[in-house]
C-alpha atoms as a PDB file:
ATOM      1  CA  MET A   1     -35.622-125.023-147.023  1.00  0.00           C
ATOM      2  CA  ASN A   2     -38.710-123.517-148.578  1.00  0.00           C
ATOM      3  CA  GLU A   3     -40.861-125.239-151.163  1.00  0.00           C
ATOM      4  CA  ILE A   4     -42.147-123.178-154.080  1.00  0.00           C
ATOM      5  CA  SER A   5     -44.714-124.252-156.684  1.00  0.00           C
ATOM      6  CA  CYS A   6     -44.360-122.989-160.239  1.00  0.00           C
ATOM      7  CA  PRO A   7     -47.527-121.119-161.277  1.00  0.00           C
ATOM      8  CA  HIS A   8     -47.158-122.332-164.882  1.00  0.00           C
ATOM      9  CA  CYS A   9     -46.418-126.054-164.536  1.00  0.00           C
ATOM     10  CA  ASN A  10     -47.359-126.623-160.853  1.00  0.00           C
ATOM     11  CA  ASN A  11     -44.079-128.449-160.175  1.00  0.00           C
ATOM     12  CA  ALA A  12     -42.781-127.973-156.660  1.00  0.00           C
ATOM     13  CA  PHE A  13     -39.116-127.351-155.965  1.00  0.00           C
ATOM     14  CA  LYS A  14     -37.084-126.548-152.888  1.00  0.00           C
ATOM     15  CA  ILE A  15     -34.836-123.538-152.476  1.00  0.00           C
ATOM     16  CA  ASP A  16     -32.649-122.359-149.636  1.00  0.00           C
ATOM     17  CA  GLN A  17     -33.208-119.178-147.645  1.00  0.00           C
ATOM     18  CA  ALA A  18     -30.918-117.094-149.907  1.00  0.00           C
ATOM     19  CA  GLY A  19     -32.743-118.211-153.059  1.00  0.00           C
ATOM     20  CA  TYR A  20     -36.091-117.473-151.451  1.00  0.00           C
ATOM     21  CA  ALA A  21     -34.888-114.008-150.435  1.00  0.00           C
ATOM     22  CA  ASP A  22     -33.778-113.332-154.031  1.00  0.00           C
ATOM     23  CA  ILE A  23     -37.225-114.228-155.380  1.00  0.00           C
ATOM     24  CA  VAL A  24     -38.964-112.039-152.789  1.00  0.00           C
ATOM     25  CA  LYS A  25     -36.656-109.140-153.701  1.00  0.00           C
ATOM     26  CA  GLN A  26     -37.476-109.521-157.411  1.00  0.00           C
ATOM     27  CA  VAL A  27     -41.217-109.524-156.715  1.00  0.00           C
ATOM     28  CA  ARG A  28     -40.983-106.433-154.498  1.00  0.00           C
ATOM     29  CA  GLU A  29     -38.904-104.549-157.072  1.00  0.00           C
ATOM     30  CA  LYS A  30     -41.359-105.376-159.840  1.00  0.00           C
ATOM     31  CA  LYS A  31     -44.349-104.292-157.714  1.00  0.00           C
ATOM     32  CA  SER A  32     -42.553-101.091-156.768  1.00  0.00           C
ATOM     33  CA  CYS A  33     -41.820-100.327-160.418  1.00  0.00           C
ATOM     34  CA  GLU A  34     -45.429-101.008-161.403  1.00  0.00           C
ATOM     35  CA  MET A  35     -46.735 -98.776-158.625  1.00  0.00           C
ATOM     36  CA  SER A  36     -44.446 -95.878-159.547  1.00  0.00           C
ATOM     37  CA  THR A  37     -45.521 -96.162-163.193  1.00  0.00           C
ATOM     38  CA  LYS A  38     -49.187 -96.067-162.166  1.00  0.00           C
ATOM     39  CA  MET A  39     -48.550 -92.989-160.046  1.00  0.00           C
ATOM     40  CA  GLU A  40     -46.738 -91.216-162.892  1.00  0.00           C
ATOM     41  CA  PHE A  41     -49.420 -92.019-165.471  1.00  0.00           C
ATOM     42  CA  PRO A  42     -52.658 -92.590-163.565  1.00  0.00           C
ATOM     43  CA  PHE A  43     -54.988 -92.209-166.547  1.00  0.00           C
ATOM     44  CA  THR A  44     -53.230 -94.449-169.085  1.00  0.00           C
ATOM     45  CA  SER A  45     -54.970 -97.640-167.917  1.00  0.00           C
ATOM     46  CA  MET A  46     -58.484 -96.356-168.602  1.00  0.00           C
END
């Protein structure tokens, strides 16, 4: 089991390997989406 701390309330909770893998997948997909948006529109953040 892995222990995760909530960044908002700092409560710790335990999740199994499958739950941990789901969270990692969500984070990677969001980062990938953000990176592709930045590459498409590189000057919009200025």
